[in-house]
Amino acid sequence: MGQLLGFVFASADMVLEIEDKHFVTFATGAAMRLLSRSADSTLGKPWRELFEPNDAEMVEAALRDVQPGERRGPYSVELATQRGPQPVSLTFFQMPQRDAFVAMAMSLRTPGVQSVKIDEAGLTSRDEFESAAASLLKQAEADGASLHVDLLEFAGLNGALANMTSAEAMNVRRKLAAMLRAASYGGLPAAAIGPDRFALLRSGRPTVEAIGQAVRDMAGPRIQLWTGELELDGASPTESLRAIRYAIDRCIEDGPSQAAKSFEAALHHTVTESSRFKELLKDGRFEVVYQPVVDLKTRQLHHYEALARFEGGDEPAATIKLAEELGLVLEFDLSIVRTVFQALCDAPDSVSIAANISAFSIQSAGFVEEMLKITAITPKIRPRLMLELTESHKITDLAAVNQVIQQLRRAGHIVCLDDFGAGAASMDYLRQIEADVVKFDGRFVQGLKGRPRDALILRRLAELCTELGISTVAEMIEKEETAKTVASLGVGLGQGWLFGKPVAKPEGMKRAPAPVAARRRGEVETWG
């Protein structure tokens, strides 16, 4: 037996053998390092006490399903030690012709699922799931593993749980979470994407039908299992991840079967559009134009906003949203910063320009360092290169984003929160993010005439910003009446076709250009 264990688990830090899937009968290796106790102290003890509770549930579920001669894992789990949870990689092997024994190998090397947040039942959120899946897709490509996402719906489960006591319902959810995790690749917890719906990342043979039967045994025979399987392209992990997000959205709305039907089309779309956008950036098939932002009282130029225009007339907001979904907007944002920086080098010293930065980029590791490298060439330009943070991509950690913004402000950049008032999160942004400027969303501004309550809200917001030392901008101003209204409500700066169309070259002006004809309805002069 020792030679077999040595052959199977030569690289492990510790090896155990358990009998009847319950008690430890053999232990060797770096037990003090992993468990803070001797290997001999585990002999005759239940193996469950070695693991954190949620991990023990998962291991037990995997042990129930393992077949003679089968190797399972690796799983990322945590051992229970006196000094706290110890992350390890766990693999186990069902002894052939010794079906009462299972060998377990544990190593400090974890396979990639680290710090995934889980709920009380042992399930994770879709955001955590998608983030971990991105890492595991890369690992699977290196390992030559073929990954799938199973979208599962246990129809009737939520109703069945509602008829149980809270303790009984939680027990069922924990066992379900453990079974799903035992079937997963790398031990990644399944994502709860609805009361009865889950997403599971796996490699190898499907086990979902067995899980469906186990759930019926626990919660009632009327529960029906509906599934959809998504085969991922390991050579295109970014595109696969975007397609996963699309499929999960479809699963939430339409169920697993419909999501699976549309997944292949979504994957093809993301691969095609990703290639197209990369070529667009590589060939420089976009231009930057500059729209004036003026002081509403004096009508003098305050600064310009840089706006992207794409070859072929693609609508800017939709193209940028696509770039965010494809994970390519960071590269685009840096391209815009380079273009604006060069424009400022060529413009009079009185000119300032605001460049739009996606919330996706501001939350991306390394973005600030790359951006500051660009402006470090001529640091004195930094106060003239303003940054508008757009909300088209959700900010998940406001405190972390605020730290990034303060780094940019310390470097000399002025930071503006764009599209303020467009969403429910706006006040939370104002509370947690220290910025220099707030730009009120154009849809909010254009609704002032027919909605007196909006005017009152805008007045109070403008007053609040003034008290906080924050400048304010109203966008999409097309008529003189609107300009006078927002100025009377306390807004300091204005932007819109009333003050001038976007121009190819930013030049200093004492006053804004003469008013132009109102643009056609529905045309938006911003990409963020």
Protein backbone atom coordinates (compact mmCIF):
# COMPACT_ATOMS: atom_id res chain seq x y z
CA MET A 1 0.00 0.00 0.00
CA GLY A 2 2.85 2.39 0.83
CA GLN A 3 4.41 1.93 -2.62
CA LEU A 4 1.04 2.63 -4.27
CA LEU A 5 0.57 5.80 -2.25
CA GLY A 6 4.09 6.90 -3.12
CA PHE A 7 3.41 6.36 -6.81
CA VAL A 8 0.07 8.17 -6.82
CA PHE A 9 0.94 11.07 -4.52
CA ALA A 10 4.70 11.55 -4.87
CA SER A 11 4.43 15.36 -4.76
CA ALA A 12 2.05 15.58 -1.77
CA ASP A 13 3.07 17.16 1.54
CA MET A 14 0.90 14.71 3.50
CA VAL A 15 -0.89 11.44 2.72
CA LEU A 16 -3.73 9.80 4.66
CA GLU A 17 -5.62 6.56 4.26
CA ILE A 18 -9.18 6.35 5.53
CA GLU A 19 -11.24 3.21 6.07
CA ASP A 20 -14.96 2.91 5.34
CA LYS A 21 -14.77 6.56 4.32
CA HIS A 22 -14.78 7.51 7.99
CA PHE A 23 -11.65 6.90 10.14
CA VAL A 24 -7.98 7.64 9.49
CA THR A 25 -5.94 4.40 9.43
CA PHE A 26 -2.63 5.69 8.02
CA ALA A 27 -0.92 9.10 8.00
CA THR A 28 2.51 10.30 6.90
CA GLY A 29 4.18 13.51 5.81
CA ALA A 30 4.43 17.12 6.99
CA ALA A 31 1.54 16.93 9.45
CA MET A 32 2.98 19.57 11.78
CA ARG A 33 3.29 21.98 8.89
CA LEU A 34 -0.26 21.42 7.64
CA LEU A 35 -2.20 20.49 10.79
CA SER A 36 -0.04 21.82 13.65
CA ARG A 37 -0.15 18.29 15.11
CA SER A 38 1.63 14.98 14.59
CA ALA A 39 0.56 12.48 11.95
CA ASP A 40 0.05 9.82 14.63
CA SER A 41 -2.47 12.04 16.43
CA THR A 42 -4.87 11.63 13.49
CA LEU A 43 -4.94 7.82 13.59
CA GLY A 44 -8.29 6.33 14.55
CA LYS A 45 -9.94 9.76 14.39
CA PRO A 46 -12.77 10.80 12.03
CA TRP A 47 -11.30 12.45 8.93
CA ARG A 48 -14.05 15.12 9.05
CA GLU A 49 -12.44 16.80 12.06
CA LEU A 50 -9.40 17.64 9.92
CA PHE A 51 -11.39 20.00 7.65
CA GLU A 52 -13.34 23.23 8.02
CA PRO A 53 -17.12 22.41 8.18
CA ASN A 54 -18.14 23.50 4.66
CA ASP A 55 -15.15 21.71 3.16
CA ALA A 56 -15.93 18.56 5.12
CA GLU A 57 -19.44 18.58 3.60
CA MET A 58 -17.95 18.83 0.12
CA VAL A 59 -15.37 16.07 0.71
CA GLU A 60 -18.06 13.77 2.09
CA ALA A 61 -20.21 14.37 -1.00
CA ALA A 62 -17.25 13.60 -3.26
CA LEU A 63 -16.41 10.43 -1.32
CA ARG A 64 -19.96 9.14 -1.74
CA ASP A 65 -19.59 9.45 -5.52
CA VAL A 66 -16.04 8.18 -6.07
CA GLN A 67 -15.58 4.85 -7.87
CA PRO A 68 -12.90 2.15 -7.32
CA GLY A 69 -9.70 3.09 -9.14
CA GLU A 70 -10.88 6.69 -9.62
CA ARG A 71 -8.83 9.75 -8.74
CA ARG A 72 -10.69 12.96 -7.79
CA GLY A 73 -9.41 16.49 -7.44
CA PRO A 74 -7.54 18.63 -6.95
CA TYR A 75 -9.89 20.61 -4.72
CA SER A 76 -9.02 23.81 -2.88
CA VAL A 77 -10.01 23.20 0.75
CA GLU A 78 -9.07 24.43 4.21
CA LEU A 79 -7.80 22.28 7.05
CA ALA A 80 -8.94 23.09 10.59
CA THR A 81 -5.88 23.84 12.72
CA GLN A 82 -5.20 25.52 16.05
CA ARG A 83 -3.67 28.48 14.23
CA GLY A 84 -6.70 28.84 11.95
CA PRO A 85 -7.74 27.57 8.50
CA GLN A 86 -4.87 26.18 6.42
CA PRO A 87 -5.47 26.27 2.61
CA VAL A 88 -4.37 23.10 0.83
CA SER A 89 -4.90 21.26 -2.41
CA LEU A 90 -6.68 17.94 -1.86
CA THR A 91 -6.69 14.90 -4.16
CA PHE A 92 -8.01 11.46 -3.27
CA PHE A 93 -7.97 8.02 -4.80
CA GLN A 94 -10.31 5.07 -4.33
CA MET A 95 -8.13 1.99 -3.86
CA PRO A 96 -8.77 -0.64 -6.56
CA GLN A 97 -9.77 -3.99 -5.05
CA ARG A 98 -9.78 -2.28 -1.63
CA ASP A 99 -13.09 -0.46 -1.82
CA ALA A 100 -13.16 0.10 1.94
CA PHE A 101 -10.10 2.37 1.70
CA VAL A 102 -9.52 5.79 0.18
CA ALA A 103 -6.14 7.55 0.00
CA MET A 104 -6.03 11.34 0.48
CA ALA A 105 -3.12 13.58 -0.53
CA MET A 106 -2.77 17.18 0.63
CA SER A 107 -0.36 19.83 -0.57
CA LEU A 108 0.20 23.48 0.21
CA ARG A 109 0.00 24.19 -3.51
CA THR A 110 -3.56 25.31 -4.28
CA PRO A 111 -5.02 24.93 -7.80
CA GLY A 112 -6.39 28.44 -8.20
CA VAL A 113 -9.62 28.77 -6.20
CA GLN A 114 -8.54 31.13 -3.45
CA SER A 115 -10.50 33.47 -1.21
CA VAL A 116 -13.84 32.78 -2.89
CA LYS A 117 -16.53 34.21 -0.61
CA ILE A 118 -19.36 31.84 0.22
CA ASP A 119 -22.65 32.16 2.07
CA GLU A 120 -23.80 30.15 5.06
CA ALA A 121 -24.81 27.23 2.85
CA GLY A 122 -21.48 27.10 1.01
CA LEU A 123 -22.63 28.77 -2.23
CA THR A 124 -20.95 31.75 -3.87
CA SER A 125 -22.26 34.77 -5.78
CA ARG A 126 -22.21 35.05 -9.57
CA ASP A 127 -19.55 37.79 -9.39
CA GLU A 128 -17.25 35.61 -7.27
CA PHE A 129 -17.98 32.63 -9.53
CA GLU A 130 -17.14 34.54 -12.71
CA SER A 131 -13.93 35.95 -11.23
CA ALA A 132 -12.71 32.51 -10.10
CA ALA A 133 -13.80 30.93 -13.40
CA ALA A 134 -11.51 33.35 -15.26
CA SER A 135 -8.50 32.04 -13.31
CA LEU A 136 -9.53 28.41 -13.68
CA LEU A 137 -10.05 28.75 -17.43
CA LYS A 138 -6.41 29.73 -17.80
CA GLN A 139 -5.32 26.89 -15.54
CA ALA A 140 -7.45 24.37 -17.42
CA GLU A 141 -5.88 25.44 -20.71
CA ALA A 142 -2.41 24.84 -19.24
CA ASP A 143 -3.52 21.45 -17.85
CA GLY A 144 -5.23 20.40 -21.06
CA ALA A 145 -8.56 20.03 -19.26
CA SER A 146 -11.88 20.61 -21.01
CA LEU A 147 -14.24 22.74 -18.94
CA HIS A 148 -18.01 23.04 -18.98
CA VAL A 149 -20.48 25.26 -17.17
CA ASP A 150 -23.65 23.50 -16.05
CA LEU A 151 -26.68 25.75 -15.55
CA LEU A 152 -29.05 23.93 -13.21
CA GLU A 153 -32.61 24.59 -12.14
CA PHE A 154 -34.19 22.49 -9.39
CA ALA A 155 -37.77 23.49 -10.14
CA GLY A 156 -39.86 23.46 -6.95
CA LEU A 157 -36.90 23.45 -4.57
CA ASN A 158 -37.55 26.89 -3.11
CA GLY A 159 -41.19 26.02 -2.41
CA ALA A 160 -40.20 22.74 -0.78
CA LEU A 161 -37.68 24.51 1.46
CA ALA A 162 -40.31 27.05 2.48
CA ASN A 163 -42.34 24.21 4.00
CA MET A 164 -39.41 23.07 6.17
CA THR A 165 -38.03 24.49 9.37
CA SER A 166 -35.18 26.92 8.88
CA ALA A 167 -32.71 24.32 10.20
CA GLU A 168 -34.01 21.63 7.85
CA ALA A 169 -33.95 23.97 4.85
CA MET A 170 -30.39 25.07 5.62
CA ASN A 171 -29.30 21.43 5.94
CA VAL A 172 -30.66 20.68 2.45
CA ARG A 173 -28.97 23.75 0.96
CA ARG A 174 -25.65 22.83 2.57
CA LYS A 175 -25.79 19.28 1.26
CA LEU A 176 -26.74 20.55 -2.21
CA ALA A 177 -23.88 23.09 -2.15
CA ALA A 178 -21.48 20.34 -1.06
CA MET A 179 -22.60 17.98 -3.85
CA LEU A 180 -22.26 20.70 -6.48
CA ARG A 181 -18.81 21.66 -5.24
CA ALA A 182 -17.71 18.01 -5.16
CA ALA A 183 -18.65 17.79 -8.85
CA SER A 184 -16.84 21.03 -9.73
CA TYR A 185 -13.44 21.72 -11.22
CA GLY A 186 -10.90 22.71 -8.56
CA GLY A 187 -13.51 22.69 -5.81
CA LEU A 188 -15.04 25.96 -6.98
CA PRO A 189 -18.31 26.54 -5.08
CA ALA A 190 -21.40 26.71 -7.23
CA ALA A 191 -23.01 30.11 -7.80
CA ALA A 192 -26.56 30.79 -6.66
CA ILE A 193 -28.17 32.71 -9.53
CA GLY A 194 -31.77 32.46 -8.32
CA PRO A 195 -33.87 30.70 -5.67
CA ASP A 196 -33.75 27.39 -7.60
CA ARG A 197 -30.95 28.06 -10.12
CA PHE A 198 -27.21 27.45 -9.92
CA ALA A 199 -24.07 27.59 -12.06
CA LEU A 200 -21.38 24.92 -11.79
CA LEU A 201 -17.92 24.80 -13.41
CA ARG A 202 -16.80 21.23 -14.04
CA SER A 203 -14.45 19.00 -15.97
CA GLY A 204 -15.00 15.34 -16.78
CA ARG A 205 -18.05 13.19 -16.43
CA PRO A 206 -21.40 14.81 -15.62
CA THR A 207 -22.92 14.00 -12.24
CA VAL A 208 -25.87 16.36 -12.20
CA GLU A 209 -28.52 13.67 -12.63
CA ALA A 210 -27.29 11.95 -9.48
CA ILE A 211 -27.41 15.28 -7.69
CA GLY A 212 -30.97 15.81 -8.92
CA GLN A 213 -32.03 12.47 -7.45
CA ALA A 214 -30.29 13.25 -4.16
CA VAL A 215 -32.16 16.56 -3.95
CA ARG A 216 -35.46 14.78 -4.59
CA ASP A 217 -34.62 12.32 -1.81
CA MET A 218 -34.02 15.23 0.57
CA ALA A 219 -36.71 17.72 -0.47
CA GLY A 220 -39.44 15.74 -2.21
CA PRO A 221 -40.16 13.76 -5.40
CA ARG A 222 -41.85 16.64 -7.23
CA ILE A 223 -38.64 18.59 -7.75
CA GLN A 224 -37.61 18.57 -11.40
CA LEU A 225 -34.08 19.15 -12.68
CA TRP A 226 -33.59 21.26 -15.81
CA THR A 227 -30.08 21.67 -17.17
CA GLY A 228 -28.07 23.48 -19.79
CA GLU A 229 -24.45 22.68 -20.61
CA LEU A 230 -21.95 25.25 -21.92
CA GLU A 231 -18.73 23.92 -23.43
CA LEU A 232 -15.96 26.49 -22.97
CA ASP A 233 -13.11 27.34 -25.31
CA GLY A 234 -9.90 27.11 -23.27
CA ALA A 235 -7.98 28.89 -26.03
CA SER A 236 -10.22 31.97 -25.63
CA PRO A 237 -10.68 32.38 -21.86
CA THR A 238 -11.68 36.04 -22.01
CA GLU A 239 -14.32 35.45 -24.66
CA SER A 240 -15.57 32.36 -22.82
CA LEU A 241 -15.95 34.37 -19.63
CA ARG A 242 -18.00 37.04 -21.42
CA ALA A 243 -20.18 34.32 -22.90
CA ILE A 244 -20.64 32.80 -19.42
CA ARG A 245 -21.92 36.15 -18.19
CA TYR A 246 -24.30 36.38 -21.11
CA ALA A 247 -25.54 32.83 -20.51
CA ILE A 248 -26.08 33.41 -16.78
CA ASP A 249 -28.12 36.52 -17.59
CA ARG A 250 -30.22 34.42 -19.97
CA CYS A 251 -30.54 31.70 -17.32
CA ILE A 252 -31.85 34.19 -14.78
CA GLU A 253 -34.44 35.43 -17.28
CA ASP A 254 -35.33 32.32 -19.30
CA GLY A 255 -33.95 29.24 -17.54
CA PRO A 256 -31.04 26.85 -18.24
CA SER A 257 -32.30 25.27 -21.46
CA GLN A 258 -32.80 28.57 -23.28
CA ALA A 259 -29.48 29.87 -21.96
CA ALA A 260 -27.65 26.85 -23.36
CA LYS A 261 -29.28 27.30 -26.77
CA SER A 262 -28.07 30.88 -27.04
CA PHE A 263 -24.61 30.27 -25.51
CA GLU A 264 -22.92 29.09 -28.70
CA ALA A 265 -24.14 32.16 -30.55
CA ALA A 266 -22.99 34.37 -27.67
CA LEU A 267 -19.53 32.79 -27.66
CA HIS A 268 -19.21 33.24 -31.42
CA HIS A 269 -20.36 36.85 -31.10
CA THR A 270 -17.85 37.69 -28.36
CA VAL A 271 -14.95 36.08 -30.25
CA THR A 272 -15.88 37.92 -33.47
CA GLU A 273 -16.46 41.29 -31.80
CA SER A 274 -13.30 40.96 -29.70
CA SER A 275 -11.21 40.47 -32.85
CA ARG A 276 -12.94 43.40 -34.53
CA PHE A 277 -12.36 45.77 -31.62
CA LYS A 278 -8.71 44.72 -31.27
CA GLU A 279 -8.18 45.49 -34.96
CA LEU A 280 -9.95 48.83 -34.51
CA LEU A 281 -7.51 49.80 -31.74
CA LYS A 282 -4.48 48.43 -33.57
CA ASP A 283 -5.26 50.35 -36.75
CA GLY A 284 -6.40 53.48 -34.93
CA ARG A 285 -9.80 53.46 -36.62
CA PHE A 286 -11.28 56.04 -34.27
CA GLU A 287 -10.87 59.74 -33.70
CA VAL A 288 -11.16 62.05 -30.72
CA VAL A 289 -13.12 65.30 -30.86
CA TYR A 290 -13.51 67.95 -28.20
CA GLN A 291 -16.71 69.56 -26.91
CA PRO A 292 -16.56 72.77 -24.85
CA VAL A 293 -17.76 72.98 -21.24
CA VAL A 294 -18.50 76.56 -20.17
CA ASP A 295 -19.12 78.67 -17.10
CA LEU A 296 -22.89 79.17 -17.10
CA LYS A 297 -22.67 82.71 -15.73
CA THR A 298 -19.90 84.14 -17.90
CA ARG A 299 -20.17 81.66 -20.81
CA GLN A 300 -16.38 81.52 -20.83
CA LEU A 301 -14.70 78.26 -21.75
CA HIS A 302 -13.84 76.16 -18.70
CA HIS A 303 -12.52 72.98 -20.35
CA TYR A 304 -13.22 70.47 -23.13
CA GLU A 305 -14.50 66.93 -22.94
CA ALA A 306 -12.79 64.42 -25.24
CA LEU A 307 -15.34 62.32 -27.18
CA ALA A 308 -14.56 59.18 -29.20
CA ARG A 309 -15.86 58.68 -32.74
CA PHE A 310 -15.57 55.31 -34.45
CA GLU A 311 -15.07 54.37 -38.07
CA GLY A 312 -18.31 53.31 -39.74
CA GLY A 313 -20.50 55.48 -37.53
CA ASP A 314 -20.71 53.01 -34.62
CA GLU A 315 -22.58 54.59 -31.71
CA PRO A 316 -19.90 55.49 -29.10
CA ALA A 317 -21.74 54.38 -25.94
CA ALA A 318 -22.63 50.98 -27.41
CA THR A 319 -19.07 50.41 -28.63
CA ILE A 320 -17.56 51.28 -25.26
CA LYS A 321 -20.08 49.04 -23.49
CA LEU A 322 -19.06 46.22 -25.81
CA ALA A 323 -15.38 46.89 -25.03
CA GLU A 324 -16.16 46.61 -21.32
CA GLU A 325 -17.97 43.32 -21.83
CA LEU A 326 -15.01 41.99 -23.83
CA GLY A 327 -12.48 43.18 -21.25
CA LEU A 328 -10.79 45.47 -23.78
CA VAL A 329 -11.81 48.91 -22.51
CA LEU A 330 -8.67 49.36 -20.38
CA GLU A 331 -6.49 49.37 -23.47
CA PHE A 332 -8.90 51.77 -25.16
CA ASP A 333 -8.97 54.14 -22.16
CA LEU A 334 -5.18 54.29 -22.17
CA SER A 335 -5.29 55.11 -25.89
CA ILE A 336 -7.65 58.00 -25.17
CA VAL A 337 -5.38 59.28 -22.39
CA ARG A 338 -2.38 59.21 -24.75
CA THR A 339 -4.35 61.12 -27.40
CA VAL A 340 -5.59 63.75 -24.94
CA PHE A 341 -2.13 64.11 -23.41
CA GLN A 342 -0.66 64.84 -26.84
CA ALA A 343 -3.47 67.30 -27.59
CA LEU A 344 -2.67 69.17 -24.37
CA CYS A 345 1.02 69.28 -25.27
CA ASP A 346 0.06 71.02 -28.53
CA ALA A 347 -2.68 73.29 -27.08
CA PRO A 348 -2.30 76.63 -25.27
CA ASP A 349 -1.54 76.39 -21.54
CA SER A 350 -5.03 77.73 -20.77
CA VAL A 351 -6.72 74.63 -22.20
CA SER A 352 -7.86 71.73 -20.03
CA ILE A 353 -9.43 68.51 -21.35
CA ALA A 354 -11.45 65.80 -19.61
CA ALA A 355 -10.85 62.21 -20.72
CA ASN A 356 -13.46 59.55 -19.98
CA ILE A 357 -12.28 56.58 -17.91
CA SER A 358 -14.45 53.49 -17.55
CA ALA A 359 -15.19 52.19 -14.06
CA PHE A 360 -13.92 48.87 -15.44
CA SER A 361 -10.49 50.42 -16.00
CA ILE A 362 -10.33 52.25 -12.70
CA GLN A 363 -10.93 48.90 -10.95
CA SER A 364 -8.29 47.08 -13.03
CA ALA A 365 -4.90 46.27 -11.51
CA GLY A 366 -2.10 48.37 -12.95
CA PHE A 367 -4.29 50.96 -14.70
CA VAL A 368 -3.19 53.94 -12.59
CA GLU A 369 0.48 53.04 -12.91
CA GLU A 370 0.19 52.83 -16.71
CA MET A 371 -1.73 56.09 -16.90
CA LEU A 372 0.72 57.97 -14.70
CA LYS A 373 3.59 56.68 -16.84
CA ILE A 374 1.98 58.44 -19.80
CA THR A 375 1.62 61.78 -18.01
CA ALA A 376 4.99 61.52 -16.26
CA ILE A 377 6.63 62.66 -19.51
CA THR A 378 5.37 66.19 -18.77
CA PRO A 379 3.97 66.20 -15.19
CA LYS A 380 2.94 69.88 -15.35
CA ILE A 381 0.16 68.87 -17.77
CA ARG A 382 -1.53 66.64 -15.20
CA PRO A 383 -3.75 69.38 -13.68
CA ARG A 384 -5.01 70.12 -17.21
CA LEU A 385 -5.82 66.44 -17.94
CA MET A 386 -9.10 65.90 -16.14
CA LEU A 387 -10.56 62.42 -15.72
CA GLU A 388 -14.28 61.63 -15.96
CA LEU A 389 -15.23 58.36 -14.28
CA THR A 390 -18.17 56.83 -16.18
CA GLU A 391 -20.71 54.48 -14.58
CA SER A 392 -21.46 52.19 -17.52
CA HIS A 393 -19.66 49.40 -15.63
CA LYS A 394 -20.72 48.64 -12.05
CA ILE A 395 -18.33 49.65 -9.27
CA THR A 396 -18.15 46.75 -6.83
CA ASP A 397 -15.81 48.25 -4.21
CA LEU A 398 -16.30 51.98 -3.71
CA ALA A 399 -13.65 52.23 -0.97
CA ALA A 400 -10.99 50.67 -3.21
CA VAL A 401 -11.96 52.92 -6.14
CA ASN A 402 -11.73 55.95 -3.88
CA GLN A 403 -8.16 55.00 -2.98
CA VAL A 404 -7.28 54.87 -6.67
CA ILE A 405 -8.94 58.23 -7.30
CA GLN A 406 -7.03 59.83 -4.44
CA GLN A 407 -3.78 58.53 -5.97
CA LEU A 408 -4.72 60.28 -9.22
CA ARG A 409 -5.66 63.48 -7.40
CA ARG A 410 -2.39 63.50 -5.47
CA ALA A 411 -0.59 63.25 -8.81
CA GLY A 412 -2.39 66.46 -9.88
CA HIS A 413 -5.37 65.20 -11.92
CA ILE A 414 -8.87 66.60 -11.43
CA VAL A 415 -11.49 63.83 -11.15
CA CYS A 416 -15.13 64.09 -12.21
CA LEU A 417 -18.00 61.68 -11.49
CA ASP A 418 -19.98 61.37 -14.74
CA ASP A 419 -23.69 60.58 -15.22
CA PHE A 420 -24.60 61.61 -11.67
CA GLY A 421 -28.29 61.16 -10.87
CA ALA A 422 -28.79 58.40 -13.47
CA GLY A 423 -28.84 55.55 -10.96
CA ALA A 424 -29.75 54.68 -7.39
CA ALA A 425 -26.07 54.41 -6.44
CA SER A 426 -25.30 58.08 -7.10
CA MET A 427 -25.65 59.26 -3.50
CA ASP A 428 -23.53 56.36 -2.29
CA TYR A 429 -20.87 57.39 -4.81
CA LEU A 430 -20.95 60.95 -3.49
CA ARG A 431 -20.68 59.70 0.08
CA GLN A 432 -17.77 57.30 -0.45
CA ILE A 433 -15.80 58.83 -3.35
CA GLU A 434 -13.95 62.14 -2.93
CA ALA A 435 -14.02 63.85 -6.31
CA ASP A 436 -13.55 67.39 -7.62
CA VAL A 437 -16.46 67.62 -10.07
CA VAL A 438 -19.91 66.04 -10.46
CA LYS A 439 -21.63 65.97 -13.84
CA PHE A 440 -25.43 65.66 -13.74
CA ASP A 441 -26.84 63.16 -16.22
CA GLY A 442 -28.33 64.73 -19.35
CA ARG A 443 -31.60 62.81 -19.07
CA PHE A 444 -32.05 64.31 -15.63
CA VAL A 445 -31.35 67.81 -16.97
CA GLN A 446 -33.66 67.51 -19.96
CA GLY A 447 -36.59 66.48 -17.76
CA LEU A 448 -36.54 69.64 -15.64
CA LYS A 449 -39.28 71.53 -17.51
CA GLY A 450 -41.96 68.88 -17.14
CA ARG A 451 -40.94 67.66 -13.68
CA PRO A 452 -40.81 70.37 -10.98
CA ARG A 453 -39.68 67.78 -8.42
CA ASP A 454 -36.55 67.16 -10.51
CA ALA A 455 -35.72 70.86 -10.34
CA LEU A 456 -35.98 70.81 -6.56
CA ILE A 457 -33.79 67.71 -6.35
CA LEU A 458 -31.20 69.26 -8.66
CA ARG A 459 -31.12 72.44 -6.56
CA ARG A 460 -30.52 70.45 -3.37
CA LEU A 461 -27.84 68.32 -5.01
CA ALA A 462 -26.08 71.40 -6.35
CA GLU A 463 -26.19 72.99 -2.89
CA LEU A 464 -24.80 69.82 -1.33
CA CYS A 465 -21.95 69.70 -3.84
CA THR A 466 -21.14 73.36 -3.19
CA GLU A 467 -20.95 72.69 0.55
CA LEU A 468 -18.63 69.76 -0.13
CA GLY A 469 -16.40 71.91 -2.34
CA ILE A 470 -17.37 70.03 -5.50
CA SER A 471 -17.92 71.79 -8.84
CA THR A 472 -21.04 70.85 -10.86
CA VAL A 473 -21.72 70.37 -14.57
CA ALA A 474 -25.02 69.95 -16.43
CA GLU A 475 -24.78 68.19 -19.78
CA MET A 476 -27.05 67.99 -22.86
CA ILE A 477 -28.04 71.64 -22.70
CA GLU A 478 -29.65 72.48 -26.03
CA LYS A 479 -31.77 75.57 -25.28
CA GLU A 480 -31.08 78.91 -23.65
CA GLU A 481 -34.05 78.34 -21.35
CA THR A 482 -32.43 75.15 -19.99
CA ALA A 483 -29.09 76.90 -19.49
CA LYS A 484 -30.72 79.66 -17.44
CA THR A 485 -32.75 77.16 -15.42
CA VAL A 486 -29.80 75.00 -14.37
CA ALA A 487 -27.74 78.11 -13.60
CA SER A 488 -30.55 79.41 -11.37
CA LEU A 489 -30.55 76.07 -9.54
CA GLY A 490 -26.91 76.51 -8.60
CA VAL A 491 -25.13 74.46 -11.26
CA GLY A 492 -21.84 76.10 -12.22
CA LEU A 493 -20.87 74.63 -15.59
CA GLY A 494 -22.75 73.59 -18.71
CA GLN A 495 -22.17 71.41 -21.76
CA GLY A 496 -24.26 70.84 -24.87
CA TRP A 497 -24.92 71.89 -28.42
CA LEU A 498 -26.11 75.30 -27.24
CA PHE A 499 -22.47 76.12 -26.49
CA GLY A 500 -20.84 74.41 -29.44
CA LYS A 501 -20.36 71.24 -31.42
CA PRO A 502 -17.35 69.00 -30.83
CA VAL A 503 -14.27 70.27 -32.65
CA ALA A 504 -11.26 68.44 -34.05
CA LYS A 505 -8.69 70.59 -32.26
CA PRO A 506 -9.00 72.15 -28.77
CA GLU A 507 -8.09 75.80 -28.84
CA GLY A 508 -8.38 78.38 -26.11
CA MET A 509 -11.37 80.71 -26.34
CA LYS A 510 -12.41 83.65 -24.18
CA ARG A 511 -16.08 82.80 -24.76
CA ALA A 512 -17.90 79.78 -26.05
CA PRO A 513 -18.88 79.67 -29.73
CA ALA A 514 -22.18 81.16 -30.78
CA PRO A 515 -25.22 78.95 -30.13
CA VAL A 516 -25.93 76.31 -32.78
CA ALA A 517 -29.15 74.66 -33.85
CA ALA A 518 -30.43 72.04 -31.46
CA ARG A 519 -29.31 68.55 -32.34
CA ARG A 520 -31.77 65.95 -33.52
CA ARG A 521 -33.61 64.12 -30.79
CA GLY A 522 -31.91 60.96 -29.55
CA GLU A 523 -28.36 61.86 -30.60
CA VAL A 524 -25.93 61.58 -27.72
CA GLU A 525 -22.66 63.50 -27.69
CA THR A 526 -20.84 61.33 -25.20
CA TRP A 527 -19.44 57.81 -25.13
CA GLY A 528 -19.47 57.20 -21.41
